């Protein structure tokens, strides 16, 4: 089905700067324009995101600052309210209890109605892309934080002493799945998505962003009465009010 649900608040979880812009930024821009307050959580700072032979390990802190700035600029374009960087090592992210706890704390702090993340089981896309292990780790940790950790009082009980009480996310949007059940019309927000991705200049190289994102959005809309879409599997974890 297509959907016009506009949550009042949402949280986007991804491993690296630019992951969000490649995948779900059209949906986020659409929601933000309608008044949704969005927090973007980036688990690493993308400090391994260069294969230029003139750089070595000493460049990593500088690259992290560049990529964090690029993500903040992309989120400004999208209308995202706040950006949170967790600073885990790029290329070494694992779905540990420590990461899940960090994400649980953030969910309980901001109390989003909706969470958005990738597919923890997504390994192979087409015959030319092996999904980055950080993407899978980020998605696995995010899904586990959304349920059961965020809403279960006696998981991570020290969060209670910090003042972070349980919170139940109502819907979980998972992108990159083989069998989506929900399509968001991004015809009016695709240009914003494109402009946001272009803010990640350190990563774009010669990539034709306009062409690529339009092709992907057309592919995701295939079989639906839409020109451009982003597709998700949506888990309805709690009954919600009619958002109109």
Protein backbone atom coordinates (compact mmCIF):
# COMPACT_ATOMS: atom_id res chain seq x y z
CA UNK A 1 0.00 0.00 0.00
CA UNK A 2 1.00 3.61 -0.38
CA UNK A 3 0.86 5.70 2.74
CA UNK A 4 0.24 9.27 3.79
CA UNK A 5 1.06 8.74 7.46
CA UNK A 6 2.88 11.77 8.81
CA UNK A 7 4.26 11.07 12.29
CA UNK A 8 4.68 13.88 14.78
CA UNK A 9 8.22 12.70 15.57
CA UNK A 10 10.68 10.29 14.00
CA UNK A 11 14.20 8.99 14.48
CA UNK A 12 16.50 7.89 11.64
CA UNK A 13 19.24 5.35 12.44
CA UNK A 14 22.21 4.71 10.15
CA UNK A 15 25.86 3.72 10.29
CA UNK A 16 27.57 6.46 8.25
CA UNK A 17 27.10 10.02 7.07
CA UNK A 18 25.31 9.81 3.66
CA UNK A 19 23.59 6.42 4.32
CA UNK A 20 20.37 8.25 5.13
CA UNK A 21 20.57 10.44 2.03
CA UNK A 22 21.09 7.49 -0.30
CA UNK A 23 18.09 5.65 1.14
CA UNK A 24 15.28 7.34 3.09
CA UNK A 25 15.87 11.09 2.79
CA UNK A 26 12.86 11.61 0.52
CA UNK A 27 10.56 10.25 3.19
CA UNK A 28 12.24 12.29 5.92
CA UNK A 29 12.03 15.48 3.86
CA UNK A 30 8.34 14.84 3.20
CA UNK A 31 7.66 14.31 6.87
CA UNK A 32 9.73 17.31 7.96
CA UNK A 33 7.89 19.59 5.56
CA UNK A 34 4.62 18.46 7.14
CA UNK A 35 5.86 19.34 10.63
CA UNK A 36 7.42 16.10 11.86
CA UNK A 37 10.32 16.62 14.26
CA UNK A 38 13.16 14.33 13.19
CA UNK A 39 16.34 13.28 14.98
CA UNK A 40 19.06 11.68 12.85
CA UNK A 41 21.36 9.22 14.63
CA UNK A 42 24.67 8.41 12.91
CA UNK A 43 26.60 5.65 14.64
CA UNK A 44 30.03 6.35 13.12
CA UNK A 45 31.56 9.54 11.78
CA UNK A 46 32.57 7.93 8.49
CA UNK A 47 36.27 8.42 9.21
CA UNK A 48 37.30 5.48 7.01
CA UNK A 49 35.56 6.91 3.97
CA UNK A 50 38.56 7.50 1.73
CA UNK A 51 40.85 5.28 -0.36
CA UNK A 52 43.09 8.16 -1.45
CA UNK A 53 46.69 6.84 -1.12
CA UNK A 54 47.98 10.20 0.09
CA UNK A 55 46.11 9.76 3.37
CA UNK A 56 46.95 7.56 6.33
CA UNK A 57 45.54 7.03 9.82
CA UNK A 58 46.40 10.58 10.79
CA UNK A 59 43.76 11.87 8.38
CA UNK A 60 40.90 10.09 10.10
CA UNK A 61 40.05 12.78 12.70
CA UNK A 62 39.99 15.45 10.00
CA UNK A 63 37.82 13.31 7.74
CA UNK A 64 35.43 12.66 10.63
CA UNK A 65 34.97 16.42 11.09
CA UNK A 66 34.41 16.91 7.35
CA UNK A 67 31.82 14.17 7.18
CA UNK A 68 30.02 15.26 10.32
CA UNK A 69 29.73 18.77 8.86
CA UNK A 70 28.45 17.33 5.58
CA UNK A 71 25.80 15.34 7.45
CA UNK A 72 24.67 18.38 9.40
CA UNK A 73 24.36 20.33 6.16
CA UNK A 74 22.41 17.50 4.53
CA UNK A 75 20.07 17.37 7.52
CA UNK A 76 19.59 21.12 7.31
CA UNK A 77 18.44 20.69 3.71
CA UNK A 78 16.06 17.91 4.74
CA UNK A 79 14.62 19.83 7.68
CA UNK A 80 15.94 17.40 10.29
CA UNK A 81 15.74 18.91 13.77
CA UNK A 82 18.82 17.39 15.39
CA UNK A 83 21.82 15.23 14.51
CA UNK A 84 23.46 12.82 16.96
CA UNK A 85 26.86 11.22 16.29
CA UNK A 86 27.87 8.27 18.45
CA UNK A 87 31.48 8.11 17.25
CA UNK A 88 31.89 4.36 16.83
CA UNK A 89 34.70 3.20 14.53
CA UNK A 90 33.82 3.32 10.85
CA UNK A 91 34.27 -0.13 9.31
CA UNK A 92 34.30 -1.84 12.69
CA UNK A 93 30.72 -1.38 13.86
CA UNK A 94 29.17 -4.37 15.59
CA UNK A 95 25.68 -4.85 17.09
CA UNK A 96 26.97 -4.96 20.64
CA UNK A 97 25.00 -4.52 23.84
CA UNK A 98 26.89 -1.25 24.37
CA UNK A 99 25.65 0.11 21.03
CA UNK A 100 22.12 -1.12 21.69
CA UNK A 101 22.19 0.60 25.07
CA UNK A 102 23.35 3.87 23.51
CA UNK A 103 20.47 3.69 21.02
CA UNK A 104 18.00 2.78 23.76
CA UNK A 105 19.08 5.85 25.73
CA UNK A 106 18.54 8.08 22.69
CA UNK A 107 15.10 6.62 21.97
CA UNK A 108 14.03 7.11 25.57
CA UNK A 109 15.40 10.66 25.55
CA UNK A 110 13.63 11.88 22.39
CA UNK A 111 10.62 9.53 22.42
CA UNK A 112 9.98 9.23 18.67
CA UNK A 113 6.70 7.84 17.39
CA UNK A 114 8.45 6.28 14.40
CA UNK A 115 11.92 4.83 13.85
CA UNK A 116 13.56 4.38 10.44
CA UNK A 117 16.51 2.11 9.71
CA UNK A 118 17.95 -0.40 7.25
CA UNK A 119 17.48 -4.13 6.83
CA UNK A 120 19.61 -6.11 9.30
CA UNK A 121 19.38 -9.14 6.99
CA UNK A 122 20.36 -7.29 3.81
CA UNK A 123 23.54 -8.82 2.36
CA UNK A 124 23.33 -8.74 -1.43
CA UNK A 125 21.65 -6.15 -3.69
CA UNK A 126 21.61 -7.01 -7.37
CA UNK A 127 24.76 -8.81 -8.46
CA UNK A 128 27.18 -5.94 -7.92
CA UNK A 129 26.77 -4.73 -4.33
CA UNK A 130 27.57 -6.49 -1.07
CA UNK A 131 25.99 -4.53 1.74
CA UNK A 132 28.51 -2.93 4.09
CA UNK A 133 28.75 -4.84 7.39
CA UNK A 134 28.35 -1.55 9.29
CA UNK A 135 24.93 -1.13 7.66
CA UNK A 136 23.77 -4.51 8.89
CA UNK A 137 25.20 -3.93 12.36
CA UNK A 138 23.55 -0.53 12.64
CA UNK A 139 20.20 -1.92 11.55
CA UNK A 140 20.40 -4.90 13.91
CA UNK A 141 21.24 -2.70 16.89
CA UNK A 142 18.55 -0.16 16.00
CA UNK A 143 15.84 -2.80 15.62
CA UNK A 144 16.77 -4.39 18.96
CA UNK A 145 16.81 -1.00 20.66
CA UNK A 146 13.37 -0.16 19.29
CA UNK A 147 12.10 -3.53 20.50
CA UNK A 148 12.43 -4.73 23.13
CA UNK A 149 14.97 -2.50 24.84
CA UNK A 150 13.43 0.98 24.64
CA UNK A 151 10.07 -0.06 26.04
CA UNK A 152 11.11 -2.66 28.59
CA UNK A 153 11.67 -1.19 32.02
CA UNK A 154 14.01 -3.85 33.35
CA UNK A 155 16.39 -3.91 30.37
CA UNK A 156 19.36 -1.60 31.03
CA UNK A 157 18.05 -0.65 34.47
CA UNK A 158 20.85 1.86 34.99
CA UNK A 159 19.10 4.00 32.37
CA UNK A 160 16.27 4.38 34.87
CA UNK A 161 18.66 5.93 37.38
CA UNK A 162 19.82 8.29 34.62
CA UNK A 163 16.21 9.39 34.19
CA UNK A 164 15.46 7.60 30.92
CA UNK A 165 12.11 5.92 31.33
CA UNK A 166 10.70 3.31 28.91
CA UNK A 167 9.26 4.50 25.62
CA UNK A 168 7.36 2.47 23.02
CA UNK A 169 8.00 3.31 19.38
CA UNK A 170 4.76 2.89 17.46
CA UNK A 171 6.09 2.04 14.02
CA UNK A 172 9.39 0.79 12.65
CA UNK A 173 10.15 1.57 9.00
CA UNK A 174 12.76 -0.79 7.49
CA UNK A 175 14.22 0.00 4.08
CA UNK A 176 16.18 -2.24 1.74
CA UNK A 177 13.87 -5.25 2.09
CA UNK A 178 12.95 -7.77 -0.61
CA UNK A 179 9.21 -7.58 0.04
CA UNK A 180 8.16 -4.07 1.09
CA UNK A 181 4.58 -3.42 2.11
CA UNK A 182 4.56 0.37 2.24
CA UNK A 183 5.54 2.95 -0.37
CA UNK A 184 6.04 6.64 0.38
CA UNK A 185 5.44 9.04 -2.51
CA UNK A 186 8.57 11.20 -2.80
CA UNK A 187 7.73 13.00 -6.04
CA UNK A 188 7.62 16.31 -4.18
CA UNK A 189 10.71 15.64 -2.07
CA UNK A 190 13.07 13.86 -4.48
CA UNK A 191 14.81 17.10 -5.45
CA UNK A 192 15.41 17.82 -1.76
CA UNK A 193 16.85 14.31 -1.33
CA UNK A 194 19.18 14.92 -4.27
CA UNK A 195 20.36 18.25 -2.88
CA UNK A 196 20.92 16.69 0.53
CA UNK A 197 23.05 13.87 -0.90
CA UNK A 198 25.16 16.40 -2.80
CA UNK A 199 26.17 17.92 0.54
CA UNK A 200 28.33 14.81 1.05
CA UNK A 201 30.87 16.18 -1.41
CA UNK A 202 33.78 14.20 0.03
CA UNK A 203 32.06 10.97 -1.03
CA UNK A 204 30.44 11.79 -4.37
CA UNK A 205 33.40 11.80 -6.74
CA UNK A 206 32.06 11.61 -10.31
CA UNK A 207 28.75 10.05 -9.28
CA UNK A 208 25.76 11.38 -11.23
CA UNK A 209 23.55 11.89 -8.18
CA UNK A 210 20.52 13.20 -10.07
CA UNK A 211 20.42 10.27 -12.47
CA UNK A 212 21.10 7.62 -9.84
CA UNK A 213 18.51 8.74 -7.28
CA UNK A 214 15.82 9.24 -9.91
CA UNK A 215 16.44 5.75 -11.29
CA UNK A 216 16.32 4.22 -7.83
CA UNK A 217 13.13 6.09 -6.94
CA UNK A 218 11.48 4.89 -10.14
CA UNK A 219 12.54 1.30 -9.39
CA UNK A 220 11.13 1.48 -5.88
CA UNK A 221 7.83 2.82 -7.25
CA UNK A 222 7.54 -0.05 -9.73
CA UNK A 223 4.12 -1.68 -9.57
CA UNK A 224 2.65 1.21 -7.60
CA UNK A 225 0.59 4.17 -8.87
CA UNK A 226 3.56 6.44 -8.18
CA UNK A 227 6.39 7.90 -10.23
CA UNK A 228 8.96 8.11 -7.44
CA UNK A 229 8.87 6.26 -4.13
CA UNK A 230 10.80 4.90 -1.19
CA UNK A 231 9.75 1.42 -0.13
CA UNK A 232 9.63 -0.05 3.38
CA UNK A 233 8.50 -2.93 5.48
CA UNK A 234 6.57 -1.30 8.31
CA UNK A 235 6.22 -2.98 11.68
CA UNK A 236 3.19 -1.70 13.57
CA UNK A 237 4.36 -2.13 17.13
CA UNK A 238 1.62 -0.19 18.87
CA UNK A 239 -1.75 1.19 17.87
CA UNK A 240 -1.49 4.85 17.01
CA UNK A 241 -3.89 7.71 16.66
CA UNK A 242 -5.02 8.77 13.20
CA UNK A 243 -2.37 11.16 11.95
CA UNK A 244 -4.49 12.31 9.06
